[in-house]
Protein backbone atom coordinates (compact mmCIF):
# COMPACT_ATOMS: atom_id res chain seq x y z
CA MET A 1 8.50 -14.41 78.22
CA SER A 2 10.77 -17.12 79.58
CA ARG A 3 14.53 -16.82 79.34
CA LYS A 4 14.86 -19.92 77.19
CA CYS A 5 16.20 -20.47 73.68
CA ALA A 6 13.35 -21.25 71.29
CA LEU A 7 15.38 -23.85 69.36
CA SER A 8 17.86 -25.48 71.71
CA GLY A 9 16.01 -25.03 75.00
CA ILE A 10 19.03 -23.55 76.77
CA GLY A 11 17.86 -21.90 79.99
CA PRO A 12 19.40 -20.07 82.92
CA LEU A 13 22.04 -21.70 85.12
CA SER A 14 22.34 -21.12 88.86
CA GLY A 15 25.24 -21.09 91.23
CA ASN A 16 27.11 -19.01 93.76
CA THR A 17 29.03 -15.78 93.44
CA ARG A 18 32.04 -15.58 95.72
CA SER A 19 33.60 -12.52 97.32
CA HIS A 20 37.28 -12.20 98.21
CA ALA A 21 36.31 -13.31 101.72
CA MET A 22 34.69 -16.41 100.14
CA ASN A 23 31.19 -15.35 101.20
CA SER A 24 28.63 -16.95 98.93
CA SER A 25 25.34 -15.66 97.60
CA LYS A 26 23.09 -17.22 95.00
CA ARG A 27 23.14 -15.85 91.48
CA LYS A 28 21.84 -16.77 88.04
CA TRP A 29 23.54 -16.83 84.63
CA ASN A 30 21.03 -16.06 81.89
CA PRO A 31 21.61 -17.19 78.29
CA ASN A 32 22.56 -14.59 75.70
CA LEU A 33 19.23 -14.44 73.85
CA GLN A 34 18.95 -12.50 70.60
CA PRO A 35 15.79 -11.77 68.58
CA VAL A 36 16.01 -13.41 65.13
CA LYS A 37 13.39 -13.37 62.38
CA ILE A 38 12.90 -16.86 60.93
CA GLY A 39 10.00 -17.58 58.61
CA GLY A 40 8.24 -14.31 59.40
CA LYS A 41 8.31 -14.93 63.17
CA THR A 42 10.66 -13.37 65.68
CA LEU A 43 12.26 -16.00 67.91
CA MET A 44 14.55 -15.54 70.87
CA ILE A 45 17.61 -17.67 70.09
CA SER A 46 20.79 -18.00 72.11
CA ALA A 47 23.93 -16.53 70.55
CA ARG A 48 25.64 -19.93 70.58
CA THR A 49 22.74 -21.55 68.67
CA LEU A 50 22.71 -18.63 66.23
CA LYS A 51 26.43 -19.09 65.60
CA THR A 52 25.88 -22.79 64.90
CA LEU A 53 23.01 -22.03 62.50
CA LYS A 54 25.10 -19.49 60.61
CA ARG A 55 28.06 -21.87 60.42
CA ASN A 56 25.86 -24.65 58.96
CA ASN A 57 24.04 -22.14 56.70
CA ALA A 58 20.72 -23.29 58.16
CA LEU A 59 19.15 -19.82 58.19
CA GLY A 60 18.78 -19.73 54.42
CA ASN A 61 20.84 -16.55 54.10
CA SER A 62 23.39 -16.27 51.35
CA LYS A 63 25.92 -14.49 53.61
């Protein structure tokens, strides 16, 4: 399973982590993926996309 949002396509970002001595080593920031049931299927959706869907009431929930 890839670390990608099923709706928005947000994937991992890469960069450097820096120590106090400014040594650099590569690291990766993964998206905050959450399992959500939509239409009987479980999709991995990023938390930011889920927040947008809830704000626009696009999930069909009455909450």
